[in-house]
């Protein structure tokens, strides 16, 4: 869309689930993915993993839900095996952490530009 000589780029968000996995792979292959984000929650904590595709960097935030405090912040260009497992979950999937707490993926979205 052109407005006063400026081209607008529309960013779109898609939730990752079984039906959209192939579409998301295609978006990555076209190089249009900007950002991927997943949120996992247990009774005690929230884990947020964000991937910024243009810089190939991950931000991981682990928060104590009961006290509302930051437990850990990690900025990395590669996930360890545990965080890879967490980041691969789709909405409503569950896994357990090192303390056997159940973590549920409450959101996994991808933002891309057309």
PDB file of N, CA and C in Angstrom:
ATOM      1  N   UNK A   1       0.842  -1.180   0.000  1.00  0.00           N
ATOM      2  CA  UNK A   1       0.000   0.000   0.000  1.00  0.00           C
ATOM      3  C   UNK A   1       0.884   1.239   0.000  1.00  0.00           C
ATOM      4  N   UNK A   2       0.603   2.158  -0.881  1.00  0.00           N
ATOM      5  CA  UNK A   2       1.374   3.389  -0.952  1.00  0.00           C
ATOM      6  C   UNK A   2       0.580   4.530  -0.350  1.00  0.00           C
ATOM      7  N   UNK A   3       1.281   5.307   0.482  1.00  0.00           N
ATOM      8  CA  UNK A   3       0.650   6.451   1.115  1.00  0.00           C
ATOM      9  C   UNK A   3       1.671   7.568   1.132  1.00  0.00           C
ATOM     10  N   UNK A   4       1.401   8.633   0.405  1.00  0.00           N
ATOM     11  CA  UNK A   4       2.303   9.770   0.289  1.00  0.00           C
ATOM     12  C   UNK A   4       3.722   9.323  -0.065  1.00  0.00           C
ATOM     13  N   UNK A   5       3.853   8.369  -0.992  1.00  0.00           N
ATOM     14  CA  UNK A   5       5.153   7.948  -1.467  1.00  0.00           C
ATOM     15  C   UNK A   5       5.900   6.979  -0.565  1.00  0.00           C
ATOM     16  N   UNK A   6       5.284   6.549   0.533  1.00  0.00           N
ATOM     17  CA  UNK A   6       5.941   5.619   1.454  1.00  0.00           C
ATOM     18  C   UNK A   6       5.254   4.271   1.365  1.00  0.00           C
ATOM     19  N   UNK A   7       6.056   3.240   1.135  1.00  0.00           N
ATOM     20  CA  UNK A   7       5.498   1.903   1.061  1.00  0.00           C
ATOM     21  C   UNK A   7       5.376   1.331   2.478  1.00  0.00           C
ATOM     22  N   UNK A   8       4.203   0.868   2.807  1.00  0.00           N
ATOM     23  CA  UNK A   8       3.973   0.255   4.108  1.00  0.00           C
ATOM     24  C   UNK A   8       4.198  -1.239   4.017  1.00  0.00           C
ATOM     25  N   UNK A   9       4.934  -1.782   4.979  1.00  0.00           N
ATOM     26  CA  UNK A   9       5.114  -3.226   5.071  1.00  0.00           C
ATOM     27  C   UNK A   9       4.191  -3.733   6.157  1.00  0.00           C
ATOM     28  N   UNK A  10       3.458  -4.747   5.849  1.00  0.00           N
ATOM     29  CA  UNK A  10       2.534  -5.303   6.825  1.00  0.00           C
ATOM     30  C   UNK A  10       3.179  -6.496   7.514  1.00  0.00           C
ATOM     31  N   UNK A  11       3.259  -6.425   8.840  1.00  0.00           N
ATOM     32  CA  UNK A  11       3.736  -7.558   9.616  1.00  0.00           C
ATOM     33  C   UNK A  11       2.531  -8.388  10.037  1.00  0.00           C
ATOM     34  N   UNK A  12       2.703  -9.680   9.979  1.00  0.00           N
ATOM     35  CA  UNK A  12       1.615 -10.587  10.300  1.00  0.00           C
ATOM     36  C   UNK A  12       2.089 -11.549  11.374  1.00  0.00           C
ATOM     37  N   UNK A  13       1.178 -11.950  12.239  1.00  0.00           N
ATOM     38  CA  UNK A  13       1.483 -12.874  13.325  1.00  0.00           C
ATOM     39  C   UNK A  13       0.686 -14.147  13.107  1.00  0.00           C
ATOM     40  N   UNK A  14       1.348 -15.286  13.334  1.00  0.00           N
ATOM     41  CA  UNK A  14       0.686 -16.577  13.186  1.00  0.00           C
ATOM     42  C   UNK A  14       1.025 -17.419  14.410  1.00  0.00           C
ATOM     43  N   UNK A  15       0.032 -18.117  14.924  1.00  0.00           N
ATOM     44  CA  UNK A  15       0.247 -19.022  16.056  1.00  0.00           C
ATOM     45  C   UNK A  15       0.726 -20.364  15.513  1.00  0.00           C
ATOM     46  N   UNK A  16       1.794 -20.884  16.118  1.00  0.00           N
ATOM     47  CA  UNK A  16       2.335 -22.165  15.680  1.00  0.00           C
ATOM     48  C   UNK A  16       1.515 -23.301  16.280  1.00  0.00           C
ATOM     49  N   UNK A  17       1.004 -24.156  15.403  1.00  0.00           N
ATOM     50  CA  UNK A  17       0.294 -25.360  15.827  1.00  0.00           C
ATOM     51  C   UNK A  17       0.530 -26.431  14.764  1.00  0.00           C
ATOM     52  N   UNK A  18      -0.076 -27.569  14.942  1.00  0.00           N
ATOM     53  CA  UNK A  18       0.148 -28.681  14.001  1.00  0.00           C
ATOM     54  C   UNK A  18      -0.244 -28.298  12.565  1.00  0.00           C
ATOM     55  N   UNK A  19      -1.293 -27.491  12.423  1.00  0.00           N
ATOM     56  CA  UNK A  19      -1.774 -27.118  11.097  1.00  0.00           C
ATOM     57  C   UNK A  19      -0.886 -26.085  10.414  1.00  0.00           C
ATOM     58  N   UNK A  20      -0.131 -25.290  11.176  1.00  0.00           N
ATOM     59  CA  UNK A  20       0.654 -24.215  10.577  1.00  0.00           C
ATOM     60  C   UNK A  20       2.154 -24.513  10.511  1.00  0.00           C
ATOM     61  N   UNK A  21       2.594 -25.675  10.987  1.00  0.00           N
ATOM     62  CA  UNK A  21       4.028 -25.980  11.003  1.00  0.00           C
ATOM     63  C   UNK A  21       4.655 -25.923   9.610  1.00  0.00           C
ATOM     64  N   UNK A  22       4.007 -26.495   8.600  1.00  0.00           N
ATOM     65  CA  UNK A  22       4.550 -26.455   7.242  1.00  0.00           C
ATOM     66  C   UNK A  22       4.590 -25.036   6.688  1.00  0.00           C
ATOM     67  N   UNK A  23       3.558 -24.269   6.974  1.00  0.00           N
ATOM     68  CA  UNK A  23       3.514 -22.881   6.525  1.00  0.00           C
ATOM     69  C   UNK A  23       4.659 -22.080   7.146  1.00  0.00           C
ATOM     70  N   UNK A  24       4.948 -22.340   8.423  1.00  0.00           N
ATOM     71  CA  UNK A  24       6.027 -21.631   9.112  1.00  0.00           C
ATOM     72  C   UNK A  24       7.386 -22.009   8.534  1.00  0.00           C
ATOM     73  N   UNK A  25       7.580 -23.279   8.219  1.00  0.00           N
ATOM     74  CA  UNK A  25       8.828 -23.707   7.566  1.00  0.00           C
ATOM     75  C   UNK A  25       9.009 -22.966   6.242  1.00  0.00           C
ATOM     76  N   UNK A  26       7.920 -22.806   5.506  1.00  0.00           N
ATOM     77  CA  UNK A  26       7.968 -22.101   4.235  1.00  0.00           C
ATOM     78  C   UNK A  26       8.336 -20.626   4.456  1.00  0.00           C
ATOM     79  N   UNK A  27       7.769 -20.009   5.478  1.00  0.00           N
ATOM     80  CA  UNK A  27       8.079 -18.606   5.773  1.00  0.00           C
ATOM     81  C   UNK A  27       9.566 -18.431   6.089  1.00  0.00           C
ATOM     82  N   UNK A  28      10.115 -19.372   6.872  1.00  0.00           N
ATOM     83  CA  UNK A  28      11.552 -19.319   7.162  1.00  0.00           C
ATOM     84  C   UNK A  28      12.361 -19.479   5.874  1.00  0.00           C
ATOM     85  N   UNK A  29      11.950 -20.390   4.989  1.00  0.00           N
ATOM     86  CA  UNK A  29      12.698 -20.616   3.755  1.00  0.00           C
ATOM     87  C   UNK A  29      12.665 -19.398   2.833  1.00  0.00           C
ATOM     88  N   UNK A  30      11.605 -18.594   2.920  1.00  0.00           N
ATOM     89  CA  UNK A  30      11.501 -17.368   2.120  1.00  0.00           C
ATOM     90  C   UNK A  30      12.220 -16.195   2.779  1.00  0.00           C
ATOM     91  N   UNK A  31      12.674 -16.372   4.024  1.00  0.00           N
ATOM     92  CA  UNK A  31      13.405 -15.308   4.711  1.00  0.00           C
ATOM     93  C   UNK A  31      12.548 -14.154   5.166  1.00  0.00           C
ATOM     94  N   UNK A  32      11.264 -14.407   5.462  1.00  0.00           N
ATOM     95  CA  UNK A  32      10.376 -13.314   5.854  1.00  0.00           C
ATOM     96  C   UNK A  32      10.052 -13.306   7.356  1.00  0.00           C
ATOM     97  N   UNK A  33      10.576 -14.299   8.108  1.00  0.00           N
ATOM     98  CA  UNK A  33      10.313 -14.351   9.547  1.00  0.00           C
ATOM     99  C   UNK A  33      11.155 -13.290  10.251  1.00  0.00           C
ATOM    100  N   UNK A  34      10.510 -12.523  11.116  1.00  0.00           N
ATOM    101  CA  UNK A  34      11.193 -11.500  11.896  1.00  0.00           C
ATOM    102  C   UNK A  34      11.461 -11.960  13.321  1.00  0.00           C
ATOM    103  N   UNK A  35      10.465 -12.646  13.896  1.00  0.00           N
ATOM    104  CA  UNK A  35      10.478 -12.875  15.333  1.00  0.00           C
ATOM    105  C   UNK A  35       9.687 -14.132  15.643  1.00  0.00           C
ATOM    106  N   UNK A  36      10.194 -14.939  16.568  1.00  0.00           N
ATOM    107  CA  UNK A  36       9.456 -16.105  17.045  1.00  0.00           C
ATOM    108  C   UNK A  36       9.474 -16.060  18.566  1.00  0.00           C
ATOM    109  N   UNK A  37       8.354 -16.362  19.172  1.00  0.00           N
ATOM    110  CA  UNK A  37       8.230 -16.217  20.626  1.00  0.00           C
ATOM    111  C   UNK A  37       7.362 -17.323  21.206  1.00  0.00           C
ATOM    112  N   UNK A  38       7.841 -17.920  22.293  1.00  0.00           N
ATOM    113  CA  UNK A  38       7.040 -18.919  22.988  1.00  0.00           C
ATOM    114  C   UNK A  38       7.013 -18.607  24.481  1.00  0.00           C
ATOM    115  N   UNK A  39       5.897 -18.949  25.110  1.00  0.00           N
ATOM    116  CA  UNK A  39       5.735 -18.749  26.553  1.00  0.00           C
ATOM    117  C   UNK A  39       5.302 -20.068  27.161  1.00  0.00           C
ATOM    118  N   UNK A  40       6.021 -20.475  28.208  1.00  0.00           N
ATOM    119  CA  UNK A  40       5.686 -21.680  28.958  1.00  0.00           C
ATOM    120  C   UNK A  40       5.405 -21.270  30.394  1.00  0.00           C
ATOM    121  N   UNK A  41       4.416 -21.927  30.999  1.00  0.00           N
ATOM    122  CA  UNK A  41       4.059 -21.595  32.371  1.00  0.00           C
ATOM    123  C   UNK A  41       3.857 -22.844  33.206  1.00  0.00           C
ATOM    124  N   UNK A  42       4.297 -22.748  34.452  1.00  0.00           N
ATOM    125  CA  UNK A  42       4.000 -23.754  35.465  1.00  0.00           C
ATOM    126  C   UNK A  42       3.319 -23.019  36.614  1.00  0.00           C
ATOM    127  N   UNK A  43       3.049 -23.717  37.685  1.00  0.00           N
ATOM    128  CA  UNK A  43       2.466 -23.053  38.850  1.00  0.00           C
ATOM    129  C   UNK A  43       3.429 -22.038  39.446  1.00  0.00           C
ATOM    130  N   UNK A  44       4.728 -22.284  39.287  1.00  0.00           N
ATOM    131  CA  UNK A  44       5.735 -21.466  39.959  1.00  0.00           C
ATOM    132  C   UNK A  44       6.475 -20.472  39.079  1.00  0.00           C
ATOM    133  N   UNK A  45       6.560 -20.738  37.774  1.00  0.00           N
ATOM    134  CA  UNK A  45       7.370 -19.852  36.946  1.00  0.00           C
ATOM    135  C   UNK A  45       6.821 -19.704  35.543  1.00  0.00           C
ATOM    136  N   UNK A  46       7.316 -18.665  34.876  1.00  0.00           N
ATOM    137  CA  UNK A  46       7.032 -18.395  33.470  1.00  0.00           C
ATOM    138  C   UNK A  46       8.358 -18.342  32.738  1.00  0.00           C
ATOM    139  N   UNK A  47       8.419 -19.017  31.592  1.00  0.00           N
ATOM    140  CA  UNK A  47       9.609 -18.979  30.746  1.00  0.00           C
ATOM    141  C   UNK A  47       9.204 -18.391  29.402  1.00  0.00           C
ATOM    142  N   UNK A  48       9.894 -17.339  29.006  1.00  0.00           N
ATOM    143  CA  UNK A  48       9.658 -16.684  27.725  1.00  0.00           C
ATOM    144  C   UNK A  48      10.923 -16.836  26.893  1.00  0.00           C
ATOM    145  N   UNK A  49      10.771 -17.399  25.692  1.00  0.00           N
ATOM    146  CA  UNK A  49      11.903 -17.552  24.783  1.00  0.00           C
ATOM    147  C   UNK A  49      11.559 -16.822  23.489  1.00  0.00           C
ATOM    148  N   UNK A  50      12.375 -15.830  23.156  1.00  0.00           N
ATOM    149  CA  UNK A  50      12.179 -15.046  21.942  1.00  0.00           C
ATOM    150  C   UNK A  50      13.367 -15.243  21.021  1.00  0.00           C
ATOM    151  N   UNK A  51      13.082 -15.364  19.734  1.00  0.00           N
ATOM    152  CA  UNK A  51      14.138 -15.491  18.728  1.00  0.00           C
ATOM    153  C   UNK A  51      13.980 -14.371  17.723  1.00  0.00           C
ATOM    154  N   UNK A  52      15.020 -13.546  17.587  1.00  0.00           N
ATOM    155  CA  UNK A  52      15.035 -12.453  16.633  1.00  0.00           C
ATOM    156  C   UNK A  52      15.799 -12.923  15.407  1.00  0.00           C
ATOM    157  N   UNK A  53      15.081 -13.324  14.365  1.00  0.00           N
ATOM    158  CA  UNK A  53      15.655 -13.966  13.182  1.00  0.00           C
ATOM    159  C   UNK A  53      16.724 -13.134  12.485  1.00  0.00           C
ATOM    160  N   UNK A  54      16.514 -11.815  12.244  1.00  0.00           N
ATOM    161  CA  UNK A  54      17.545 -11.075  11.501  1.00  0.00           C
ATOM    162  C   UNK A  54      18.922 -11.099  12.181  1.00  0.00           C
ATOM    163  N   UNK A  55      18.961 -11.158  13.495  1.00  0.00           N
ATOM    164  CA  UNK A  55      20.236 -11.187  14.213  1.00  0.00           C
ATOM    165  C   UNK A  55      20.608 -12.589  14.690  1.00  0.00           C
ATOM    166  N   UNK A  56      19.696 -13.548  14.517  1.00  0.00           N
ATOM    167  CA  UNK A  56      19.919 -14.940  14.952  1.00  0.00           C
ATOM    168  C   UNK A  56      20.270 -15.002  16.442  1.00  0.00           C
ATOM    169  N   UNK A  57      19.442 -14.350  17.264  1.00  0.00           N
ATOM    170  CA  UNK A  57      19.707 -14.250  18.700  1.00  0.00           C
ATOM    171  C   UNK A  57      18.456 -14.619  19.502  1.00  0.00           C
ATOM    172  N   UNK A  58      18.668 -15.282  20.628  1.00  0.00           N
ATOM    173  CA  UNK A  58      17.587 -15.678  21.534  1.00  0.00           C
ATOM    174  C   UNK A  58      17.671 -14.872  22.826  1.00  0.00           C
ATOM    175  N   UNK A  59      16.525 -14.486  23.334  1.00  0.00           N
ATOM    176  CA  UNK A  59      16.398 -13.922  24.680  1.00  0.00           C
ATOM    177  C   UNK A  59      15.534 -14.875  25.479  1.00  0.00           C
ATOM    178  N   UNK A  60      16.031 -15.266  26.643  1.00  0.00           N
ATOM    179  CA  UNK A  60      15.297 -16.173  27.512  1.00  0.00           C
ATOM    180  C   UNK A  60      15.082 -15.457  28.845  1.00  0.00           C
ATOM    181  N   UNK A  61      13.826 -15.399  29.268  1.00  0.00           N
ATOM    182  CA  UNK A  61      13.484 -14.769  30.541  1.00  0.00           C
ATOM    183  C   UNK A  61      12.755 -15.802  31.385  1.00  0.00           C
ATOM    184  N   UNK A  62      13.259 -16.019  32.588  1.00  0.00           N
ATOM    185  CA  UNK A  62      12.624 -16.938  33.530  1.00  0.00           C
ATOM    186  C   UNK A  62      12.197 -16.116  34.733  1.00  0.00           C
ATOM    187  N   UNK A  63      10.894 -16.162  35.031  1.00  0.00           N
ATOM    188  CA  UNK A  63      10.336 -15.355  36.112  1.00  0.00           C
ATOM    189  C   UNK A  63       9.676 -16.233  37.170  1.00  0.00           C
ATOM    190  N   UNK A  64       9.784 -15.822  38.400  1.00  0.00           N
ATOM    191  CA  UNK A  64       9.077 -16.441  39.516  1.00  0.00           C
ATOM    192  C   UNK A  64       7.668 -15.852  39.530  1.00  0.00           C
ATOM    193  N   UNK A  65       6.661 -16.675  39.253  1.00  0.00           N
ATOM    194  CA  UNK A  65       5.279 -16.189  39.163  1.00  0.00           C
ATOM    195  C   UNK A  65       4.741 -15.737  40.514  1.00  0.00           C
ATOM    196  N   UNK A  66       5.100 -16.444  41.566  1.00  0.00           N
ATOM    197  CA  UNK A  66       4.540 -16.140  42.880  1.00  0.00           C
ATOM    198  C   UNK A  66       5.104 -14.862  43.462  1.00  0.00           C
ATOM    199  N   UNK A  67       6.386 -14.615  43.242  1.00  0.00           N
ATOM    200  CA  UNK A  67       7.012 -13.415  43.796  1.00  0.00           C
ATOM    201  C   UNK A  67       7.119 -12.280  42.782  1.00  0.00           C
ATOM    202  N   UNK A  68       6.808 -12.597  41.530  1.00  0.00           N
ATOM    203  CA  UNK A  68       6.870 -11.567  40.490  1.00  0.00           C
ATOM    204  C   UNK A  68       8.279 -11.045  40.261  1.00  0.00           C
ATOM    205  N   UNK A  69       9.274 -11.928  40.378  1.00  0.00           N
ATOM    206  CA  UNK A  69      10.671 -11.510  40.243  1.00  0.00           C
ATOM    207  C   UNK A  69      11.367 -12.281  39.126  1.00  0.00           C
ATOM    208  N   UNK A  70      12.356 -11.612  38.557  1.00  0.00           N
ATOM    209  CA  UNK A  70      13.191 -12.227  37.538  1.00  0.00           C
ATOM    210  C   UNK A  70      14.106 -13.257  38.193  1.00  0.00           C
ATOM    211  N   UNK A  71      14.091 -14.477  37.666  1.00  0.00           N
ATOM    212  CA  UNK A  71      15.001 -15.521  38.140  1.00  0.00           C
ATOM    213  C   UNK A  71      16.280 -15.477  37.314  1.00  0.00           C
ATOM    214  N   UNK A  72      16.104 -15.390  35.976  1.00  0.00           N
ATOM    215  CA  UNK A  72      17.269 -15.413  35.106  1.00  0.00           C
ATOM    216  C   UNK A  72      16.938 -14.783  33.762  1.00  0.00           C
ATOM    217  N   UNK A  73      17.932 -14.092  33.205  1.00  0.00           N
ATOM    218  CA  UNK A  73      17.849 -13.565  31.843  1.00  0.00           C
ATOM    219  C   UNK A  73      19.065 -14.075  31.085  1.00  0.00           C
ATOM    220  N   UNK A  74      18.824 -14.651  29.902  1.00  0.00           N
ATOM    221  CA  UNK A  74      19.904 -15.193  29.078  1.00  0.00           C
ATOM    222  C   UNK A  74      19.763 -14.634  27.672  1.00  0.00           C
ATOM    223  N   UNK A  75      20.869 -14.162  27.122  1.00  0.00           N
ATOM    224  CA  UNK A  75      20.928 -13.710  25.741  1.00  0.00           C
ATOM    225  C   UNK A  75      21.975 -14.586  25.061  1.00  0.00           C
ATOM    226  N   UNK A  76      21.557 -15.347  24.037  1.00  0.00           N
ATOM    227  CA  UNK A  76      22.459 -16.319  23.438  1.00  0.00           C
ATOM    228  C   UNK A  76      22.165 -16.493  21.952  1.00  0.00           C
ATOM    229  N   UNK A  77      23.145 -17.009  21.215  1.00  0.00           N
ATOM    230  CA  UNK A  77      22.903 -17.288  19.796  1.00  0.00           C
ATOM    231  C   UNK A  77      22.648 -18.770  19.556  1.00  0.00           C
ATOM    232  N   UNK A  78      22.603 -19.566  20.646  1.00  0.00           N
ATOM    233  CA  UNK A  78      22.325 -20.994  20.514  1.00  0.00           C
ATOM    234  C   UNK A  78      21.644 -21.498  21.788  1.00  0.00           C
ATOM    235  N   UNK A  79      20.592 -22.284  21.616  1.00  0.00           N
ATOM    236  CA  UNK A  79      19.879 -22.845  22.766  1.00  0.00           C
ATOM    237  C   UNK A  79      20.512 -24.160  23.199  1.00  0.00           C
ATOM    238  N   UNK A  80      20.526 -24.398  24.510  1.00  0.00           N
ATOM    239  CA  UNK A  80      20.953 -25.710  24.989  1.00  0.00           C
ATOM    240  C   UNK A  80      19.808 -26.698  24.758  1.00  0.00           C
ATOM    241  N   UNK A  81      20.035 -27.973  25.029  1.00  0.00           N
ATOM    242  CA  UNK A  81      19.036 -29.008  24.723  1.00  0.00           C
ATOM    243  C   UNK A  81      17.715 -28.774  25.449  1.00  0.00           C
ATOM    244  N   UNK A  82      17.780 -28.323  26.697  1.00  0.00           N
ATOM    245  CA  UNK A  82      16.555 -28.076  27.468  1.00  0.00           C
ATOM    246  C   UNK A  82      15.726 -26.975  26.826  1.00  0.00           C
ATOM    247  N   UNK A  83      16.358 -25.855  26.509  1.00  0.00           N
ATOM    248  CA  UNK A  83      15.619 -24.743  25.916  1.00  0.00           C
ATOM    249  C   UNK A  83      15.177 -25.051  24.484  1.00  0.00           C
ATOM    250  N   UNK A  84      15.938 -25.870  23.756  1.00  0.00           N
ATOM    251  CA  UNK A  84      15.485 -26.321  22.433  1.00  0.00           C
ATOM    252  C   UNK A  84      14.174 -27.087  22.558  1.00  0.00           C
ATOM    253  N   UNK A  85      14.105 -27.946  23.568  1.00  0.00           N
ATOM    254  CA  UNK A  85      12.875 -28.717  23.799  1.00  0.00           C
ATOM    255  C   UNK A  85      11.719 -27.772  24.114  1.00  0.00           C
ATOM    256  N   UNK A  86      11.954 -26.802  24.995  1.00  0.00           N
ATOM    257  CA  UNK A  86      10.908 -25.843  25.348  1.00  0.00           C
ATOM    258  C   UNK A  86      10.460 -25.045  24.122  1.00  0.00           C
ATOM    259  N   UNK A  87      11.432 -24.609  23.303  1.00  0.00           N
ATOM    260  CA  UNK A  87      11.127 -23.759  22.155  1.00  0.00           C
ATOM    261  C   UNK A  87      10.409 -24.516  21.043  1.00  0.00           C
ATOM    262  N   UNK A  88      10.509 -25.837  21.050  1.00  0.00           N
ATOM    263  CA  UNK A  88       9.850 -26.633  20.008  1.00  0.00           C
ATOM    264  C   UNK A  88       8.384 -26.922  20.314  1.00  0.00           C
ATOM    265  N   UNK A  89       7.944 -26.618  21.528  1.00  0.00           N
ATOM    266  CA  UNK A  89       6.548 -26.895  21.889  1.00  0.00           C
ATOM    267  C   UNK A  89       5.597 -25.968  21.154  1.00  0.00           C
ATOM    268  N   UNK A  90       4.410 -26.483  20.902  1.00  0.00           N
ATOM    269  CA  UNK A  90       3.352 -25.652  20.331  1.00  0.00           C
ATOM    270  C   UNK A  90       2.283 -25.452  21.399  1.00  0.00           C
ATOM    271  N   UNK A  91       1.402 -24.516  21.150  1.00  0.00           N
ATOM    272  CA  UNK A  91       0.385 -24.137  22.126  1.00  0.00           C
ATOM    273  C   UNK A  91      -0.333 -25.366  22.693  1.00  0.00           C
ATOM    274  N   UNK A  92      -0.440 -25.395  24.002  1.00  0.00           N
ATOM    275  CA  UNK A  92      -1.111 -26.423  24.810  1.00  0.00           C
ATOM    276  C   UNK A  92      -0.300 -27.697  25.012  1.00  0.00           C
ATOM    277  N   UNK A  93       0.885 -27.814  24.418  1.00  0.00           N
ATOM    278  CA  UNK A  93       1.744 -28.960  24.703  1.00  0.00           C
ATOM    279  C   UNK A  93       2.401 -28.758  26.063  1.00  0.00           C
ATOM    280  N   UNK A  94       2.758 -29.876  26.692  1.00  0.00           N
ATOM    281  CA  UNK A  94       3.364 -29.821  28.021  1.00  0.00           C
ATOM    282  C   UNK A  94       4.648 -30.619  28.064  1.00  0.00           C
ATOM    283  N   UNK A  95       5.520 -30.229  28.987  1.00  0.00           N
ATOM    284  CA  UNK A  95       6.749 -30.952  29.286  1.00  0.00           C
ATOM    285  C   UNK A  95       7.041 -30.724  30.762  1.00  0.00           C
ATOM    286  N   UNK A  96       8.060 -31.376  31.276  1.00  0.00           N
ATOM    287  CA  UNK A  96       8.430 -31.143  32.667  1.00  0.00           C
ATOM    288  C   UNK A  96       9.835 -30.558  32.715  1.00  0.00           C
ATOM    289  N   UNK A  97      10.108 -29.794  33.777  1.00  0.00           N
ATOM    290  CA  UNK A  97      11.434 -29.204  33.943  1.00  0.00           C
ATOM    291  C   UNK A  97      12.294 -30.071  34.854  1.00  0.00           C
ATOM    292  N   UNK A  98      13.456 -29.557  35.233  1.00  0.00           N
ATOM    293  CA  UNK A  98      14.394 -30.318  36.051  1.00  0.00           C
ATOM    294  C   UNK A  98      13.852 -30.655  37.440  1.00  0.00           C
ATOM    295  N   UNK A  99      12.819 -29.923  37.891  1.00  0.00           N
ATOM    296  CA  UNK A  99      12.187 -30.188  39.192  1.00  0.00           C
ATOM    297  C   UNK A  99      10.908 -31.005  39.050  1.00  0.00           C
ATOM    298  N   UNK A 100      10.666 -31.525  37.861  1.00  0.00           N
ATOM    299  CA  UNK A 100       9.454 -32.283  37.533  1.00  0.00           C
ATOM    300  C   UNK A 100       8.175 -31.461  37.623  1.00  0.00           C
ATOM    301  N   UNK A 101       8.323 -30.128  37.549  1.00  0.00           N
ATOM    302  CA  UNK A 101       7.148 -29.258  37.428  1.00  0.00           C
ATOM    303  C   UNK A 101       6.667 -29.325  35.985  1.00  0.00           C
ATOM    304  N   UNK A 102       5.358 -29.360  35.803  1.00  0.00           N
ATOM    305  CA  UNK A 102       4.785 -29.390  34.454  1.00  0.00           C
ATOM    306  C   UNK A 102       4.780 -27.976  33.881  1.00  0.00           C
ATOM    307  N   UNK A 103       5.385 -27.832  32.709  1.00  0.00           N
ATOM    308  CA  UNK A 103       5.384 -26.574  31.970  1.00  0.00           C
ATOM    309  C   UNK A 103       4.441 -26.723  30.783  1.00  0.00           C
ATOM    310  N   UNK A 104       3.522 -25.780  30.667  1.00  0.00           N
ATOM    311  CA  UNK A 104       2.573 -25.793  29.557  1.00  0.00           C
ATOM    312  C   UNK A 104       2.871 -24.613  28.636  1.00  0.00           C
ATOM    313  N   UNK A 105       2.932 -24.900  27.346  1.00  0.00           N
ATOM    314  CA  UNK A 105       3.119 -23.844  26.362  1.00  0.00           C
ATOM    315  C   UNK A 105       1.785 -23.112  26.195  1.00  0.00           C
ATOM    316  N   UNK A 106       1.757 -21.847  26.562  1.00  0.00           N
ATOM    317  CA  UNK A 106       0.523 -21.073  26.463  1.00  0.00           C
ATOM    318  C   UNK A 106       0.453 -20.244  25.179  1.00  0.00           C
ATOM    319  N   UNK A 107       1.607 -20.093  24.515  1.00  0.00           N
ATOM    320  CA  UNK A 107       1.635 -19.353  23.259  1.00  0.00           C
ATOM    321  C   UNK A 107       2.927 -19.667  22.525  1.00  0.00           C
ATOM    322  N   UNK A 108       2.831 -19.806  21.225  1.00  0.00           N
ATOM    323  CA  UNK A 108       4.022 -19.910  20.370  1.00  0.00           C
ATOM    324  C   UNK A 108       3.659 -19.238  19.057  1.00  0.00           C
ATOM    325  N   UNK A 109       4.199 -18.066  18.859  1.00  0.00           N
ATOM    326  CA  UNK A 109       3.828 -17.283  17.682  1.00  0.00           C
ATOM    327  C   UNK A 109       5.037 -16.868  16.865  1.00  0.00           C
ATOM    328  N   UNK A 110       4.774 -16.592  15.613  1.00  0.00           N
ATOM    329  CA  UNK A 110       5.791 -16.151  14.670  1.00  0.00           C
ATOM    330  C   UNK A 110       5.269 -14.870  14.028  1.00  0.00           C
ATOM    331  N   UNK A 111       6.140 -13.875  13.967  1.00  0.00           N
ATOM    332  CA  UNK A 111       5.798 -12.641  13.270  1.00  0.00           C
ATOM    333  C   UNK A 111       6.636 -12.590  12.007  1.00  0.00           C
ATOM    334  N   UNK A 112       5.986 -12.266  10.895  1.00  0.00           N
ATOM    335  CA  UNK A 112       6.693 -12.209   9.632  1.00  0.00           C
ATOM    336  C   UNK A 112       6.220 -11.009   8.827  1.00  0.00           C
ATOM    337  N   UNK A 113       7.010 -10.655   7.826  1.00  0.00           N
ATOM    338  CA  UNK A 113       6.731  -9.500   6.998  1.00  0.00           C
ATOM    339  C   UNK A 113       6.495  -9.931   5.568  1.00  0.00           C
ATOM    340  N   UNK A 114       5.517  -9.340   4.925  1.00  0.00           N
ATOM    341  CA  UNK A 114       5.235  -9.646   3.519  1.00  0.00           C
ATOM    342  C   UNK A 114       5.637  -8.494   2.620  1.00  0.00           C
TER     343      UNK A 114
END
